[in-house]
């Protein structure tokens, strides 16, 4: 099992039943075409494509697995398809979702970045978002709250208080929250019941898949298993990692400089 590889490399024993496609070796890197402002997020699609939002440039790009530009969308404005400070991006099935923070909405695009519509956040600023078969969730900027989007409206999500959530990820019945205000990562079930939490200084962007949540902290990327907790970290070539995306066979790490590192099996 390839999982045993990476955990042996990290000095850990794999939890029983864990499956992943993450070996410990970097496959390469690329720069975001057209530059990167230092603030933004990354997401990975099911067909190998990579999506990146640049907050200060109000830009959304779609890249192939080698980092070549396929299409882009955005520009400053309030019109559909334009942004004011896009802060996060997520792939959900065949749709790409963008947290359009200052416009207080979550915009929906198809894989080629054609505009489809928007989710109403009830006048709240979506700082970060997550989507899975269990629904769409977002962190409200500056309020320390998490909300779940329903067909009618956004409703509060989660039990207990958070100090300062900055990112969120969802996968197969679990919702992970990066709480920078309390230097911890929290995992909840889809009803909002807290299952566990782990201390991590300065957690930033995250991505979850197959029971593992990968969390950037500006120095390394940490691996957390929902049952056993910390598994180890990736350092190596990384400098200032701010966000992580997990695809079907690769893990993508976005650095503040706009470099994207790709990890996976050879």
Protein backbone atom coordinates (compact mmCIF):
# COMPACT_ATOMS: atom_id res chain seq x y z
CA UNK A 1 0.00 0.00 0.00
CA UNK A 2 1.47 3.35 -1.06
CA UNK A 3 0.22 4.96 2.13
CA UNK A 4 2.71 2.91 4.11
CA UNK A 5 5.45 4.54 2.02
CA UNK A 6 4.71 8.09 3.02
CA UNK A 7 4.13 7.29 6.67
CA UNK A 8 7.37 5.36 6.85
CA UNK A 9 9.02 8.43 5.33
CA UNK A 10 7.34 10.64 7.92
CA UNK A 11 8.17 8.25 10.76
CA UNK A 12 4.57 7.21 11.38
CA UNK A 13 2.54 4.01 11.31
CA UNK A 14 -0.46 4.08 8.94
CA UNK A 15 -3.89 3.87 10.59
CA UNK A 16 -5.76 0.72 9.69
CA UNK A 17 -7.85 1.08 6.56
CA UNK A 18 -6.31 4.38 5.43
CA UNK A 19 -6.06 4.75 1.68
CA UNK A 20 -4.39 7.59 -0.19
CA UNK A 21 -2.31 8.25 -3.27
CA UNK A 22 0.23 10.51 -1.59
CA UNK A 23 3.87 9.34 -1.75
CA UNK A 24 6.39 11.70 -0.19
CA UNK A 25 8.15 12.96 -3.30
CA UNK A 26 7.68 16.23 -5.18
CA UNK A 27 7.02 15.72 -8.89
CA UNK A 28 7.77 19.28 -9.91
CA UNK A 29 6.52 22.84 -9.72
CA UNK A 30 5.19 25.68 -11.84
CA UNK A 31 4.45 29.39 -11.47
CA UNK A 32 0.95 30.84 -11.74
CA UNK A 33 0.74 32.24 -15.29
CA UNK A 34 0.56 36.03 -15.26
CA UNK A 35 1.87 36.31 -11.71
CA UNK A 36 0.32 36.09 -8.27
CA UNK A 37 -0.33 38.81 -5.67
CA UNK A 38 0.43 36.66 -2.62
CA UNK A 39 -3.17 36.20 -1.48
CA UNK A 40 -5.51 33.56 -2.86
CA UNK A 41 -6.31 29.86 -2.93
CA UNK A 42 -6.01 26.68 -4.99
CA UNK A 43 -8.35 23.80 -5.88
CA UNK A 44 -7.93 20.59 -7.87
CA UNK A 45 -10.48 19.08 -10.25
CA UNK A 46 -11.30 15.46 -10.90
CA UNK A 47 -9.86 15.60 -14.43
CA UNK A 48 -6.41 16.91 -13.54
CA UNK A 49 -7.13 20.61 -13.90
CA UNK A 50 -6.02 23.15 -11.28
CA UNK A 51 -7.91 26.32 -10.32
CA UNK A 52 -6.38 29.33 -8.57
CA UNK A 53 -7.96 32.57 -7.38
CA UNK A 54 -5.85 35.70 -6.90
CA UNK A 55 -7.52 37.92 -4.31
CA UNK A 56 -5.87 41.24 -5.12
CA UNK A 57 -6.06 40.79 -8.89
CA UNK A 58 -9.69 39.61 -8.85
CA UNK A 59 -8.70 36.74 -11.09
CA UNK A 60 -9.65 33.07 -11.47
CA UNK A 61 -7.52 30.80 -13.67
CA UNK A 62 -7.88 27.24 -14.89
CA UNK A 63 -4.61 25.40 -15.53
CA UNK A 64 -3.65 22.02 -16.92
CA UNK A 65 -1.61 19.64 -14.70
CA UNK A 66 1.65 21.21 -15.94
CA UNK A 67 0.51 24.73 -15.06
CA UNK A 68 -0.38 25.93 -18.56
CA UNK A 69 -3.22 28.44 -18.75
CA UNK A 70 -6.44 26.99 -20.19
CA UNK A 71 -8.92 29.76 -19.37
CA UNK A 72 -9.53 32.61 -16.95
CA UNK A 73 -12.38 34.69 -15.59
CA UNK A 74 -12.98 37.63 -13.33
CA UNK A 75 -11.99 41.27 -13.28
CA UNK A 76 -13.07 43.84 -10.71
CA UNK A 77 -16.77 44.51 -10.40
CA UNK A 78 -20.16 43.51 -9.05
CA UNK A 79 -21.53 42.03 -12.27
CA UNK A 80 -21.98 38.25 -12.57
CA UNK A 81 -18.63 36.60 -13.23
CA UNK A 82 -16.64 39.50 -11.77
CA UNK A 83 -15.12 39.70 -8.30
CA UNK A 84 -14.27 42.00 -5.45
CA UNK A 85 -11.63 40.17 -3.45
CA UNK A 86 -12.15 36.49 -4.30
CA UNK A 87 -10.72 34.64 -1.32
CA UNK A 88 -11.26 30.93 -1.97
CA UNK A 89 -12.03 28.42 -4.72
CA UNK A 90 -13.51 24.94 -4.57
CA UNK A 91 -14.37 22.24 -7.10
CA UNK A 92 -17.66 20.42 -6.55
CA UNK A 93 -18.47 17.85 -9.20
CA UNK A 94 -18.51 19.68 -12.52
CA UNK A 95 -18.78 23.11 -10.91
CA UNK A 96 -16.17 25.57 -9.66
CA UNK A 97 -17.23 27.70 -6.68
CA UNK A 98 -15.58 31.00 -5.74
CA UNK A 99 -15.93 32.86 -2.44
CA UNK A 100 -16.48 36.41 -3.73
CA UNK A 101 -15.91 37.99 -0.34
CA UNK A 102 -16.57 41.71 -0.80
CA UNK A 103 -19.56 41.05 -3.08
CA UNK A 104 -20.93 38.78 -0.31
CA UNK A 105 -21.75 35.85 -2.57
CA UNK A 106 -20.49 32.48 -3.73
CA UNK A 107 -20.25 32.38 -7.51
CA UNK A 108 -20.69 29.21 -9.58
CA UNK A 109 -18.83 28.42 -12.80
CA UNK A 110 -18.57 25.38 -15.05
CA UNK A 111 -15.21 23.63 -15.59
CA UNK A 112 -14.35 26.03 -18.43
CA UNK A 113 -15.15 29.04 -16.19
CA UNK A 114 -18.44 30.01 -17.79
CA UNK A 115 -20.67 31.71 -15.23
CA UNK A 116 -23.61 29.63 -13.97
CA UNK A 117 -25.08 31.51 -11.02
CA UNK A 118 -24.55 32.41 -7.36
CA UNK A 119 -25.40 31.24 -3.87
CA UNK A 120 -26.85 33.83 -1.51
CA UNK A 121 -24.85 34.20 1.72
CA UNK A 122 -27.44 36.40 3.42
CA UNK A 123 -25.28 39.51 3.32
CA UNK A 124 -22.28 37.74 4.86
CA UNK A 125 -18.71 37.86 3.55
CA UNK A 126 -17.51 34.36 2.58
CA UNK A 127 -13.83 34.23 3.51
CA UNK A 128 -13.45 30.51 2.75
CA UNK A 129 -15.70 27.77 1.43
CA UNK A 130 -16.01 24.01 1.17
CA UNK A 131 -18.35 21.77 -0.79
CA UNK A 132 -19.12 18.07 -0.73
CA UNK A 133 -22.11 15.78 -1.10
CA UNK A 134 -23.08 16.97 2.37
CA UNK A 135 -23.53 20.57 1.23
CA UNK A 136 -21.79 23.92 0.83
CA UNK A 137 -20.17 25.56 3.87
CA UNK A 138 -18.45 28.91 4.28
CA UNK A 139 -16.48 30.84 6.88
CA UNK A 140 -17.82 34.34 7.51
CA UNK A 141 -14.98 36.82 7.30
CA UNK A 142 -14.25 38.72 10.51
CA UNK A 143 -17.02 37.04 12.51
CA UNK A 144 -15.53 33.71 13.56
CA UNK A 145 -18.61 31.84 12.34
CA UNK A 146 -19.28 29.00 9.90
CA UNK A 147 -22.47 28.75 7.85
CA UNK A 148 -24.09 26.06 5.71
CA UNK A 149 -25.88 27.01 2.49
CA UNK A 150 -29.33 25.45 2.05
CA UNK A 151 -31.80 25.86 -0.80
CA UNK A 152 -33.54 28.70 1.04
CA UNK A 153 -30.79 30.45 3.00
CA UNK A 154 -27.55 30.20 4.95
CA UNK A 155 -27.88 28.66 8.42
CA UNK A 156 -25.37 28.54 11.31
CA UNK A 157 -23.16 25.45 11.39
CA UNK A 158 -21.25 23.87 14.24
CA UNK A 159 -21.39 23.57 17.99
CA UNK A 160 -19.07 25.44 20.31
CA UNK A 161 -17.12 28.58 19.53
CA UNK A 162 -14.23 29.28 17.16
CA UNK A 163 -11.49 31.81 17.71
CA UNK A 164 -10.78 32.90 14.16
CA UNK A 165 -11.47 30.38 11.38
CA UNK A 166 -9.63 31.08 8.12
CA UNK A 167 -10.33 28.01 5.99
CA UNK A 168 -12.63 25.01 5.73
CA UNK A 169 -12.69 21.69 3.89
CA UNK A 170 -15.27 18.90 3.64
CA UNK A 171 -15.01 15.26 2.64
CA UNK A 172 -17.20 12.20 3.23
CA UNK A 173 -19.15 13.26 6.29
CA UNK A 174 -16.48 15.38 7.96
CA UNK A 175 -15.92 19.12 7.99
CA UNK A 176 -12.44 20.40 8.81
CA UNK A 177 -11.85 23.96 10.04
CA UNK A 178 -8.56 25.83 10.22
CA UNK A 179 -8.94 28.01 13.33
CA UNK A 180 -5.99 30.41 13.32
CA UNK A 181 -7.43 32.34 16.25
CA UNK A 182 -6.91 29.37 18.53
CA UNK A 183 -4.00 27.72 16.73
CA UNK A 184 -5.91 24.52 16.11
CA UNK A 185 -7.56 22.38 13.46
CA UNK A 186 -11.09 21.21 14.26
CA UNK A 187 -13.02 18.33 12.68
CA UNK A 188 -16.81 18.09 12.92
CA UNK A 189 -19.46 15.79 11.54
CA UNK A 190 -21.99 17.13 9.03
CA UNK A 191 -24.40 17.94 11.85
CA UNK A 192 -21.84 20.35 13.30
CA UNK A 193 -20.86 18.21 16.27
CA UNK A 194 -17.19 18.60 17.16
CA UNK A 195 -15.36 15.28 16.89
CA UNK A 196 -11.81 16.30 17.70
CA UNK A 197 -9.21 19.06 17.46
CA UNK A 198 -5.42 19.33 17.27
CA UNK A 199 -3.08 22.16 18.13
CA UNK A 200 -1.21 23.66 15.17
CA UNK A 201 0.47 27.05 15.28
CA UNK A 202 -0.82 29.43 12.61
CA UNK A 203 -2.92 27.10 10.43
CA UNK A 204 -3.80 28.55 7.02
CA UNK A 205 -5.26 26.87 3.94
CA UNK A 206 -6.25 23.22 3.89
CA UNK A 207 -7.49 20.40 1.69
CA UNK A 208 -9.07 17.09 2.72
CA UNK A 209 -9.58 13.77 0.98
CA UNK A 210 -9.66 10.07 1.93
CA UNK A 211 -9.72 10.73 5.66
CA UNK A 212 -6.63 12.97 5.60
CA UNK A 213 -6.57 16.75 5.94
CA UNK A 214 -3.46 18.56 4.67
CA UNK A 215 -2.89 21.93 6.37
CA UNK A 216 -0.42 24.67 5.43
CA UNK A 217 1.03 26.84 8.19
CA UNK A 218 3.35 29.14 6.23
CA UNK A 219 6.32 26.85 6.83
CA UNK A 220 5.23 23.26 6.24
CA UNK A 221 2.22 21.22 5.24
CA UNK A 222 0.90 18.93 7.97
CA UNK A 223 -1.06 15.71 7.54
CA UNK A 224 -3.89 14.99 10.00
CA UNK A 225 -5.95 11.80 10.08
CA UNK A 226 -9.49 12.15 11.41
CA UNK A 227 -9.04 9.30 13.91
CA UNK A 228 -5.36 9.29 14.86
CA UNK A 229 -4.45 12.95 14.45
CA UNK A 230 -1.04 14.17 13.22
CA UNK A 231 0.79 11.86 10.83
CA UNK A 232 3.75 14.09 9.99
CA UNK A 233 4.66 17.03 7.79
CA UNK A 234 6.05 17.93 4.41
CA UNK A 235 8.82 20.49 4.34
CA UNK A 236 11.45 19.88 1.71
CA UNK A 237 11.32 22.50 -1.04
CA UNK A 238 8.38 24.43 0.39
CA UNK A 239 8.61 28.14 1.20
CA UNK A 240 5.64 30.10 2.57
CA UNK A 241 2.91 27.55 1.73
CA UNK A 242 -0.52 29.19 2.08
CA UNK A 243 -2.99 26.65 0.68
CA UNK A 244 -3.34 22.99 -0.28
CA UNK A 245 -5.51 21.17 -2.82
CA UNK A 246 -5.93 17.41 -3.08
CA UNK A 247 -6.74 15.79 -6.41
CA UNK A 248 -7.30 12.15 -7.33
CA UNK A 249 -3.61 11.33 -7.29
CA UNK A 250 -1.70 14.50 -6.46
CA UNK A 251 -1.41 17.09 -3.73
CA UNK A 252 -0.88 20.70 -4.85
CA UNK A 253 0.71 23.26 -2.54
CA UNK A 254 0.36 26.98 -3.33
CA UNK A 255 3.12 29.24 -2.04
CA UNK A 256 2.78 32.94 -1.33
CA UNK A 257 5.14 33.66 -4.22
CA UNK A 258 2.80 32.01 -6.73
CA UNK A 259 4.79 28.82 -7.09
CA UNK A 260 2.77 25.60 -7.04
CA UNK A 261 4.42 22.35 -5.93
CA UNK A 262 2.99 19.04 -7.08
CA UNK A 263 3.41 15.87 -4.99
CA UNK A 264 2.40 12.39 -6.09
CA UNK A 265 3.48 8.92 -7.24
CA UNK A 266 5.88 8.32 -10.08
